């Protein structure tokens, strides 16, 4: 079903691969590890191989994220992670912003209420938003521990819709993986898949994406038209 722009009253954004280039940081680290393999396999491109490995990790990674939800111990795990973050020294984390995202959010926030709907934990979500001064664009920030269940359950989108006082079917979910598409479908929201993360067009379409964009900032042009 094509995207119905007139129906959109609020927009929800995933973070990793949609607003943040975090996954590309993983690719860079993995590429350095794989570089020596080039001596044994000269025909292989380390960057392409690293990217494919990160892409393949998405499905099992998202499955593992959902296990604590299923077992009902996500709050306990979040509490342990928060304690560890407070009591162990950690280097300052540097995030990458997808080019054009800040300008897009500035434009869209003038016309729509916006929400973050991420499976990322709260601390790193806020660190990313604060680093690039994006927090003020969002009326609601939903992280992995905000709702009872995280994506691919519909709970985070339903939570955001209620907080924005908008019916779920009037929300647009923007994300880069099939998990985002599944959550939006379960919530009854429209969905746009973006290819600047690690989802592939075929799988995004299979999960019901109403539109596919090469990169997230293209959404401004779509909504203006």
C-alpha atoms as a PDB file:
ATOM      1  CA  UNK A   1       0.000   0.000   0.000  1.00  0.00           C
ATOM      2  CA  UNK A   2       1.460   3.413  -0.952  1.00  0.00           C
ATOM      3  CA  UNK A   3       2.175   5.995   1.732  1.00  0.00           C
ATOM      4  CA  UNK A   4      -0.847   8.146   2.596  1.00  0.00           C
ATOM      5  CA  UNK A   5       0.733  11.493   3.455  1.00  0.00           C
ATOM      6  CA  UNK A   6      -2.565  13.172   4.317  1.00  0.00           C
ATOM      7  CA  UNK A   7      -3.141  10.628   7.075  1.00  0.00           C
ATOM      8  CA  UNK A   8       0.134  11.407   8.917  1.00  0.00           C
ATOM      9  CA  UNK A   9      -0.241  13.428  12.114  1.00  0.00           C
ATOM     10  CA  UNK A  10       2.952  12.402  13.930  1.00  0.00           C
ATOM     11  CA  UNK A  11       6.303  10.840  13.043  1.00  0.00           C
ATOM     12  CA  UNK A  12       8.338   8.278  15.017  1.00  0.00           C
ATOM     13  CA  UNK A  13      12.037   7.772  14.273  1.00  0.00           C
ATOM     14  CA  UNK A  14      14.312   4.858  15.034  1.00  0.00           C
ATOM     15  CA  UNK A  15      17.867   5.889  16.008  1.00  0.00           C
ATOM     16  CA  UNK A  16      20.520   3.411  14.830  1.00  0.00           C
ATOM     17  CA  UNK A  17      20.807   3.442  11.054  1.00  0.00           C
ATOM     18  CA  UNK A  18      18.003   6.005  10.774  1.00  0.00           C
ATOM     19  CA  UNK A  19      19.269   9.111  12.597  1.00  0.00           C
ATOM     20  CA  UNK A  20      22.656   7.818  13.731  1.00  0.00           C
ATOM     21  CA  UNK A  21      25.400   6.209  11.662  1.00  0.00           C
ATOM     22  CA  UNK A  22      26.323   4.065  14.668  1.00  0.00           C
ATOM     23  CA  UNK A  23      26.304   0.849  12.644  1.00  0.00           C
ATOM     24  CA  UNK A  24      28.897   2.290  10.280  1.00  0.00           C
ATOM     25  CA  UNK A  25      31.174   2.632  13.319  1.00  0.00           C
ATOM     26  CA  UNK A  26      30.769  -1.108  13.863  1.00  0.00           C
ATOM     27  CA  UNK A  27      31.679  -1.687  10.209  1.00  0.00           C
ATOM     28  CA  UNK A  28      34.848   0.400  10.568  1.00  0.00           C
ATOM     29  CA  UNK A  29      35.984  -1.590  13.612  1.00  0.00           C
ATOM     30  CA  UNK A  30      35.194  -4.929  11.984  1.00  0.00           C
ATOM     31  CA  UNK A  31      36.897  -3.891   8.749  1.00  0.00           C
ATOM     32  CA  UNK A  32      40.144  -3.304  10.633  1.00  0.00           C
ATOM     33  CA  UNK A  33      39.890  -6.792  12.098  1.00  0.00           C
ATOM     34  CA  UNK A  34      39.220  -8.348   8.695  1.00  0.00           C
ATOM     35  CA  UNK A  35      41.917  -6.414   6.820  1.00  0.00           C
ATOM     36  CA  UNK A  36      44.667  -9.054   7.366  1.00  0.00           C
ATOM     37  CA  UNK A  37      42.407 -11.640   5.699  1.00  0.00           C
ATOM     38  CA  UNK A  38      42.905  -9.754   2.448  1.00  0.00           C
ATOM     39  CA  UNK A  39      46.351 -11.383   2.171  1.00  0.00           C
ATOM     40  CA  UNK A  40      44.663 -14.786   2.057  1.00  0.00           C
ATOM     41  CA  UNK A  41      41.653 -13.707  -0.032  1.00  0.00           C
ATOM     42  CA  UNK A  42      42.850 -10.878  -2.297  1.00  0.00           C
ATOM     43  CA  UNK A  43      39.544 -10.787  -4.207  1.00  0.00           C
ATOM     44  CA  UNK A  44      37.526  -9.951  -1.078  1.00  0.00           C
ATOM     45  CA  UNK A  45      36.770  -6.343  -0.099  1.00  0.00           C
ATOM     46  CA  UNK A  46      37.146  -6.010   3.716  1.00  0.00           C
ATOM     47  CA  UNK A  47      34.648  -3.143   3.861  1.00  0.00           C
ATOM     48  CA  UNK A  48      31.995  -5.061   1.946  1.00  0.00           C
ATOM     49  CA  UNK A  49      32.623  -8.184   4.026  1.00  0.00           C
ATOM     50  CA  UNK A  50      32.368  -6.186   7.281  1.00  0.00           C
ATOM     51  CA  UNK A  51      29.157  -4.544   6.181  1.00  0.00           C
ATOM     52  CA  UNK A  52      27.608  -7.895   5.256  1.00  0.00           C
ATOM     53  CA  UNK A  53      28.566  -9.399   8.617  1.00  0.00           C
ATOM     54  CA  UNK A  54      26.938  -6.507  10.487  1.00  0.00           C
ATOM     55  CA  UNK A  55      23.844  -6.820   8.307  1.00  0.00           C
ATOM     56  CA  UNK A  56      23.607 -10.562   8.987  1.00  0.00           C
ATOM     57  CA  UNK A  57      23.911  -9.870  12.713  1.00  0.00           C
ATOM     58  CA  UNK A  58      20.767  -7.705  12.666  1.00  0.00           C
ATOM     59  CA  UNK A  59      18.241 -10.559  12.741  1.00  0.00           C
ATOM     60  CA  UNK A  60      19.790 -12.640  15.565  1.00  0.00           C
ATOM     61  CA  UNK A  61      20.707  -9.431  17.378  1.00  0.00           C
ATOM     62  CA  UNK A  62      17.138  -8.217  17.340  1.00  0.00           C
ATOM     63  CA  UNK A  63      15.962 -11.666  18.414  1.00  0.00           C
ATOM     64  CA  UNK A  64      18.290 -11.552  21.415  1.00  0.00           C
ATOM     65  CA  UNK A  65      17.049  -8.068  22.317  1.00  0.00           C
ATOM     66  CA  UNK A  66      13.537  -9.485  22.515  1.00  0.00           C
ATOM     67  CA  UNK A  67      14.424 -12.423  24.793  1.00  0.00           C
ATOM     68  CA  UNK A  68      14.442 -10.394  28.060  1.00  0.00           C
ATOM     69  CA  UNK A  69      11.025  -8.990  27.110  1.00  0.00           C
ATOM     70  CA  UNK A  70       9.645 -12.460  26.516  1.00  0.00           C
ATOM     71  CA  UNK A  71      11.013 -13.717  29.834  1.00  0.00           C
ATOM     72  CA  UNK A  72       9.840 -10.620  31.692  1.00  0.00           C
ATOM     73  CA  UNK A  73      13.296  -9.702  33.007  1.00  0.00           C
ATOM     74  CA  UNK A  74      14.059  -6.649  30.843  1.00  0.00           C
ATOM     75  CA  UNK A  75      13.681  -4.228  33.778  1.00  0.00           C
ATOM     76  CA  UNK A  76      16.121  -6.265  35.867  1.00  0.00           C
ATOM     77  CA  UNK A  77      18.673  -6.403  33.036  1.00  0.00           C
ATOM     78  CA  UNK A  78      18.286  -2.654  32.461  1.00  0.00           C
ATOM     79  CA  UNK A  79      18.926  -2.007  36.172  1.00  0.00           C
ATOM     80  CA  UNK A  80      22.117  -4.090  36.068  1.00  0.00           C
ATOM     81  CA  UNK A  81      23.348  -2.287  32.939  1.00  0.00           C
ATOM     82  CA  UNK A  82      22.605   1.098  34.512  1.00  0.00           C
ATOM     83  CA  UNK A  83      24.571   0.116  37.644  1.00  0.00           C
ATOM     84  CA  UNK A  84      27.527  -1.019  35.532  1.00  0.00           C
ATOM     85  CA  UNK A  85      27.457   2.218  33.534  1.00  0.00           C
ATOM     86  CA  UNK A  86      27.613   4.221  36.775  1.00  0.00           C
ATOM     87  CA  UNK A  87      30.365   2.187  38.470  1.00  0.00           C
ATOM     88  CA  UNK A  88      32.842   1.423  35.721  1.00  0.00           C
ATOM     89  CA  UNK A  89      34.971   3.993  33.866  1.00  0.00           C
ATOM     90  CA  UNK A  90      34.021   4.223  30.212  1.00  0.00           C
ATOM     91  CA  UNK A  91      35.525   6.329  27.433  1.00  0.00           C
ATOM     92  CA  UNK A  92      33.346   9.057  25.972  1.00  0.00           C
ATOM     93  CA  UNK A  93      31.356   7.538  23.131  1.00  0.00           C
ATOM     94  CA  UNK A  94      31.392   9.373  19.830  1.00  0.00           C
ATOM     95  CA  UNK A  95      28.355   9.070  17.618  1.00  0.00           C
ATOM     96  CA  UNK A  96      27.938   9.789  13.929  1.00  0.00           C
ATOM     97  CA  UNK A  97      24.982  11.726  12.536  1.00  0.00           C
ATOM     98  CA  UNK A  98      23.548  10.868   9.134  1.00  0.00           C
ATOM     99  CA  UNK A  99      24.080  13.949   6.932  1.00  0.00           C
ATOM    100  CA  UNK A 100      21.002  16.156   6.636  1.00  0.00           C
ATOM    101  CA  UNK A 101      19.171  14.677   9.643  1.00  0.00           C
ATOM    102  CA  UNK A 102      19.306  17.812  11.815  1.00  0.00           C
ATOM    103  CA  UNK A 103      17.957  19.996   9.015  1.00  0.00           C
ATOM    104  CA  UNK A 104      15.217  17.434   8.358  1.00  0.00           C
ATOM    105  CA  UNK A 105      14.159  17.376  12.011  1.00  0.00           C
ATOM    106  CA  UNK A 106      14.125  21.162  12.191  1.00  0.00           C
ATOM    107  CA  UNK A 107      11.814  21.300   9.175  1.00  0.00           C
ATOM    108  CA  UNK A 108       9.491  18.469  10.194  1.00  0.00           C
ATOM    109  CA  UNK A 109       9.177  19.501  13.853  1.00  0.00           C
ATOM    110  CA  UNK A 110       7.573  22.735  12.700  1.00  0.00           C
ATOM    111  CA  UNK A 111       4.718  20.720  11.129  1.00  0.00           C
ATOM    112  CA  UNK A 112       4.476  17.445  13.055  1.00  0.00           C
ATOM    113  CA  UNK A 113       4.977  16.238  16.626  1.00  0.00           C
ATOM    114  CA  UNK A 114       8.024  13.958  16.581  1.00  0.00           C
ATOM    115  CA  UNK A 115       9.045  10.980  18.714  1.00  0.00           C
ATOM    116  CA  UNK A 116      12.111   8.794  19.079  1.00  0.00           C
ATOM    117  CA  UNK A 117      11.169   5.103  19.161  1.00  0.00           C
ATOM    118  CA  UNK A 118      14.357   3.130  19.750  1.00  0.00           C
ATOM    119  CA  UNK A 119      15.320  -0.226  21.240  1.00  0.00           C
ATOM    120  CA  UNK A 120      18.548   1.402  22.431  1.00  0.00           C
ATOM    121  CA  UNK A 121      18.957   1.901  26.186  1.00  0.00           C
ATOM    122  CA  UNK A 122      18.056   5.321  27.613  1.00  0.00           C
ATOM    123  CA  UNK A 123      21.506   6.644  28.530  1.00  0.00           C
ATOM    124  CA  UNK A 124      23.124   6.240  25.106  1.00  0.00           C
ATOM    125  CA  UNK A 125      19.950   7.457  23.374  1.00  0.00           C
ATOM    126  CA  UNK A 126      20.068  10.739  25.292  1.00  0.00           C
ATOM    127  CA  UNK A 127      23.831  11.033  24.821  1.00  0.00           C
ATOM    128  CA  UNK A 128      23.377  10.797  21.051  1.00  0.00           C
ATOM    129  CA  UNK A 129      20.508  13.307  20.967  1.00  0.00           C
ATOM    130  CA  UNK A 130      22.347  15.750  23.243  1.00  0.00           C
ATOM    131  CA  UNK A 131      25.621  15.474  21.322  1.00  0.00           C
ATOM    132  CA  UNK A 132      23.973  16.805  18.173  1.00  0.00           C
ATOM    133  CA  UNK A 133      21.436  19.074  19.938  1.00  0.00           C
ATOM    134  CA  UNK A 134      18.461  17.086  18.648  1.00  0.00           C
ATOM    135  CA  UNK A 135      16.540  16.599  21.909  1.00  0.00           C
ATOM    136  CA  UNK A 136      14.406  19.715  21.542  1.00  0.00           C
ATOM    137  CA  UNK A 137      12.936  18.454  18.263  1.00  0.00           C
ATOM    138  CA  UNK A 138      11.208  15.531  20.005  1.00  0.00           C
ATOM    139  CA  UNK A 139       8.148  15.695  22.222  1.00  0.00           C
ATOM    140  CA  UNK A 140       8.525  12.040  23.262  1.00  0.00           C
ATOM    141  CA  UNK A 141      11.597   9.810  23.629  1.00  0.00           C
ATOM    142  CA  UNK A 142      10.862   6.087  23.863  1.00  0.00           C
ATOM    143  CA  UNK A 143      13.821   3.798  24.595  1.00  0.00           C
ATOM    144  CA  UNK A 144      14.200   0.082  25.119  1.00  0.00           C
ATOM    145  CA  UNK A 145      12.912   0.267  28.707  1.00  0.00           C
ATOM    146  CA  UNK A 146      10.120   2.831  28.325  1.00  0.00           C
ATOM    147  CA  UNK A 147       7.273   0.531  27.298  1.00  0.00           C
ATOM    148  CA  UNK A 148       6.427  -2.937  28.590  1.00  0.00           C
ATOM    149  CA  UNK A 149       7.975  -4.547  25.498  1.00  0.00           C
ATOM    150  CA  UNK A 150      10.388  -3.147  22.945  1.00  0.00           C
ATOM    151  CA  UNK A 151      10.308  -3.533  19.150  1.00  0.00           C
ATOM    152  CA  UNK A 152       9.230  -5.650  17.275  1.00  0.00           C
ATOM    153  CA  UNK A 153       6.289  -5.478  19.678  1.00  0.00           C
ATOM    154  CA  UNK A 154       3.939  -2.536  18.976  1.00  0.00           C
ATOM    155  CA  UNK A 155       4.191  -1.221  22.567  1.00  0.00           C
ATOM    156  CA  UNK A 156       6.788   1.550  21.930  1.00  0.00           C
ATOM    157  CA  UNK A 157       4.801   3.032  19.034  1.00  0.00           C
ATOM    158  CA  UNK A 158       1.534   2.759  20.962  1.00  0.00           C
ATOM    159  CA  UNK A 159       3.227   4.497  23.902  1.00  0.00           C
ATOM    160  CA  UNK A 160       4.485   7.319  21.670  1.00  0.00           C
ATOM    161  CA  UNK A 161       1.100   7.736  19.978  1.00  0.00           C
ATOM    162  CA  UNK A 162      -0.674   8.000  23.329  1.00  0.00           C
ATOM    163  CA  UNK A 163       1.874  10.508  24.641  1.00  0.00           C
ATOM    164  CA  UNK A 164       1.464  12.595  21.474  1.00  0.00           C
ATOM    165  CA  UNK A 165      -2.345  12.301  21.702  1.00  0.00           C
ATOM    166  CA  UNK A 166      -2.478  10.878  18.175  1.00  0.00           C
ATOM    167  CA  UNK A 167      -4.128   7.615  17.032  1.00  0.00           C
ATOM    168  CA  UNK A 168      -1.505   4.943  16.171  1.00  0.00           C
ATOM    169  CA  UNK A 169      -2.884   4.702  12.639  1.00  0.00           C
ATOM    170  CA  UNK A 170      -2.049   8.386  12.168  1.00  0.00           C
ATOM    171  CA  UNK A 171       1.611   7.811  13.070  1.00  0.00           C
ATOM    172  CA  UNK A 172       4.457   7.222  10.626  1.00  0.00           C
ATOM    173  CA  UNK A 173       7.301   4.966  11.756  1.00  0.00           C
ATOM    174  CA  UNK A 174      10.646   5.596  10.048  1.00  0.00           C
ATOM    175  CA  UNK A 175      13.315   2.922  10.444  1.00  0.00           C
ATOM    176  CA  UNK A 176      15.972   0.875   8.707  1.00  0.00           C
ATOM    177  CA  UNK A 177      15.194  -2.708   9.754  1.00  0.00           C
ATOM    178  CA  UNK A 178      12.412  -5.246   9.502  1.00  0.00           C
ATOM    179  CA  UNK A 179      11.994  -4.907  13.290  1.00  0.00           C
ATOM    180  CA  UNK A 180      10.818  -1.319  12.778  1.00  0.00           C
ATOM    181  CA  UNK A 181       8.433  -2.415  10.042  1.00  0.00           C
ATOM    182  CA  UNK A 182       7.041  -5.251  12.165  1.00  0.00           C
ATOM    183  CA  UNK A 183       6.437  -2.975  15.140  1.00  0.00           C
ATOM    184  CA  UNK A 184       4.665  -0.410  12.949  1.00  0.00           C
ATOM    185  CA  UNK A 185       2.473  -3.063  11.321  1.00  0.00           C
ATOM    186  CA  UNK A 186       1.506  -4.457  14.724  1.00  0.00           C
ATOM    187  CA  UNK A 187       0.613  -0.945  15.923  1.00  0.00           C
ATOM    188  CA  UNK A 188      -1.378  -0.131  12.783  1.00  0.00           C
ATOM    189  CA  UNK A 189       0.964   2.720  11.820  1.00  0.00           C
ATOM    190  CA  UNK A 190       2.305   3.588   8.393  1.00  0.00           C
ATOM    191  CA  UNK A 191       5.962   2.834   7.793  1.00  0.00           C
ATOM    192  CA  UNK A 192       8.872   4.122   5.753  1.00  0.00           C
ATOM    193  CA  UNK A 193      12.018   2.035   5.357  1.00  0.00           C
ATOM    194  CA  UNK A 194      15.361   3.759   4.827  1.00  0.00           C
ATOM    195  CA  UNK A 195      18.430   2.207   3.201  1.00  0.00           C
ATOM    196  CA  UNK A 196      21.047   4.300   5.024  1.00  0.00           C
ATOM    197  CA  UNK A 197      21.105   1.679   7.782  1.00  0.00           C
ATOM    198  CA  UNK A 198      21.489  -2.057   7.344  1.00  0.00           C
ATOM    199  CA  UNK A 199      18.102  -3.243   6.196  1.00  0.00           C
ATOM    200  CA  UNK A 200      17.777  -4.338   2.589  1.00  0.00           C
ATOM    201  CA  UNK A 201      15.030  -3.116   0.293  1.00  0.00           C
ATOM    202  CA  UNK A 202      13.668  -6.600  -0.312  1.00  0.00           C
ATOM    203  CA  UNK A 203      13.200  -7.437   3.370  1.00  0.00           C
ATOM    204  CA  UNK A 204      11.762  -3.997   4.159  1.00  0.00           C
ATOM    205  CA  UNK A 205       9.183  -4.422   1.406  1.00  0.00           C
ATOM    206  CA  UNK A 206       8.400  -7.952   2.581  1.00  0.00           C
ATOM    207  CA  UNK A 207       7.618  -6.507   6.011  1.00  0.00           C
ATOM    208  CA  UNK A 208       5.168  -4.062   4.489  1.00  0.00           C
ATOM    209  CA  UNK A 209       7.079  -0.788   4.106  1.00  0.00           C
ATOM    210  CA  UNK A 210       4.748   1.741   2.488  1.00  0.00           C
ATOM    211  CA  UNK A 211       7.728   3.556   0.974  1.00  0.00           C
ATOM    212  CA  UNK A 212      11.489   3.019   0.681  1.00  0.00           C
ATOM    213  CA  UNK A 213      13.940   5.945   0.798  1.00  0.00           C
ATOM    214  CA  UNK A 214      17.662   5.900   0.113  1.00  0.00           C
ATOM    215  CA  UNK A 215      18.309   8.054   3.171  1.00  0.00           C
ATOM    216  CA  UNK A 216      16.193   9.475   6.004  1.00  0.00           C
ATOM    217  CA  UNK A 217      16.385  13.214   5.095  1.00  0.00           C
ATOM    218  CA  UNK A 218      14.580  12.467   1.799  1.00  0.00           C
ATOM    219  CA  UNK A 219      11.426  12.279   3.932  1.00  0.00           C
ATOM    220  CA  UNK A 220      11.151  16.077   3.911  1.00  0.00           C
ATOM    221  CA  UNK A 221      10.691  16.175   0.147  1.00  0.00           C
ATOM    222  CA  UNK A 222       8.160  13.345   0.258  1.00  0.00           C
ATOM    223  CA  UNK A 223       5.999  15.094   2.848  1.00  0.00           C
ATOM    224  CA  UNK A 224       6.267  18.466   1.132  1.00  0.00           C
ATOM    225  CA  UNK A 225       5.029  16.981  -2.123  1.00  0.00           C
END
